[in-house]
Structure formats: C-alpha cells, structure tokens
Amino acid sequence: MAANPPLTGGALTQARILDAAARLMSSIGITRTTTKEIAREAGCSEATLYKHFRDKEEIFVRVLHERLPPFAEMLAELPAQAGSSTVAAHLTEVARAAVPFYRRAFPMAGAVAASADLLAAHRAKLDLAVAGPHMPSAHLAEYLRAEQALGRISAAVDPAALAMLLIGACFHRAFLTLFFDGGEELAGAEQVRAAVRVEQDEQFVLATVRALLEPVAQG
C-alpha cells in the first residue's frame, strides 16, 4: 500500500496544532490547555491558530476524533478472524490494546465529558452508527457471537455482557493507573499502586482473560 503523501502548507500547520493540543491535554489537562499554550507548543502564533480553527473547543473535538489510537477500528476487523487462532489469544490482544488506549484517552475524554458544550459538540460530530464510545464493546460482542456460532464459546454466554466485562476491566485499570500515579501521599495505597503500574499490565491482561474465559470456553 502506498504511503500517504507528506503534509504541506495549511494541512501541515493544522496537524502541528492538533498534535500540540493532544500533548498538552494529556500532560497538563484541558483547563490549562489554552490557545496560547497550544500555539507555543506548536511553534506558531495564536493568530495562525485562529486561521485554522474557530476556537479551542473545535481543536479539542478534532483531537478526540483524530489523535487517539484506532482502537475501535482494530476491533472492527476482529469478527472476520473468528475461528482462527484461539479465543483467548484474540481477547488477549484486545486487552493489550485496550489498556494503553484508555490510559491515553481518559484524560482527554474525561475533560470533554465534564463540559456540556464540548460533549454536545463531540456528539454532534459522531455518526453513532459507526463511531462512539460504545463501538469497542459492540465490535467485540460481534466477534464473540461469531465464535459462539462456531461452538468455541458456550451457548449459555451473553456475548454483549462478556464484551462489556473485558472492555470495562481495561477501562477501570487505566483509570486506576492514572488515579494512583504520583499519589505517594495516599496512605494505605501502596499495594494498589504497585498492582496498577504499567509494568504490571501484561499480568493483568493474562489474568483477566483467563478469569473471563475459563467458565465459558467450550471443551
């Protein structure tokens, strides 16, 4: 497949601004991410920024749509892989991708959700039939139904519930990592903080998939 041509001119400037905004939203939060800070990070003037974007809200919504890893898109390809490898192997790869995705997305998505105007703008930009926060679990449930039809998952299992359990567990771990990161002053939290460190992600992934699948796998 041919590589995309390099960005030039206005498209390159827009990309630099969106990249800068994404870095700032993740590192200092949405409240402190002003247009002045975005322009400084992008290496341009605020006047240049406003030539390409109506306001800060437009930048934030564009970042959410264009600067997060393509997690749902990856899951959309999963149903076609039903019957290959093993169910455990596929779910392990899903969890390995989900935890870092939500860890990166949570600060930005949480800030947008806290603003009624930003949340409304975010919803308005979505075609909910093909995109939105519900799509990862929807794609995963579709894959699990395909595996169920092949007899590789018990017919007694609710694929939608199983998908929500895995995605929800990954989301929760991402939140806990962010919550406890740098929280050395939290008395009694040492054990939890150690368990949710990034270095322990693989152990979490394997244990979670095993716990979910052992009661439901066929054979």
Foldseek 3Di string as FASTA:
>chain_A
DDDDDDDDDPVVLLVLLLVLLLVCCQPPNDVPSALCSSCVSSVHHSVSVCVNDVGPLRSLLCSLVPVAPPLLVVLLPQLVCAPPDAPLVVQLVNLVVLQVRLLSCVSSVVRQVVDPVSVVVNVVPDPVVRDDPCRQLVSQLSNVVSNVVVVFWAPVDRSSVLSCQSNVVSNVLSVLQVVCVVVPVDPPCVVVNVCSDPVNSSVVSNVSSCVSGPVIGDD
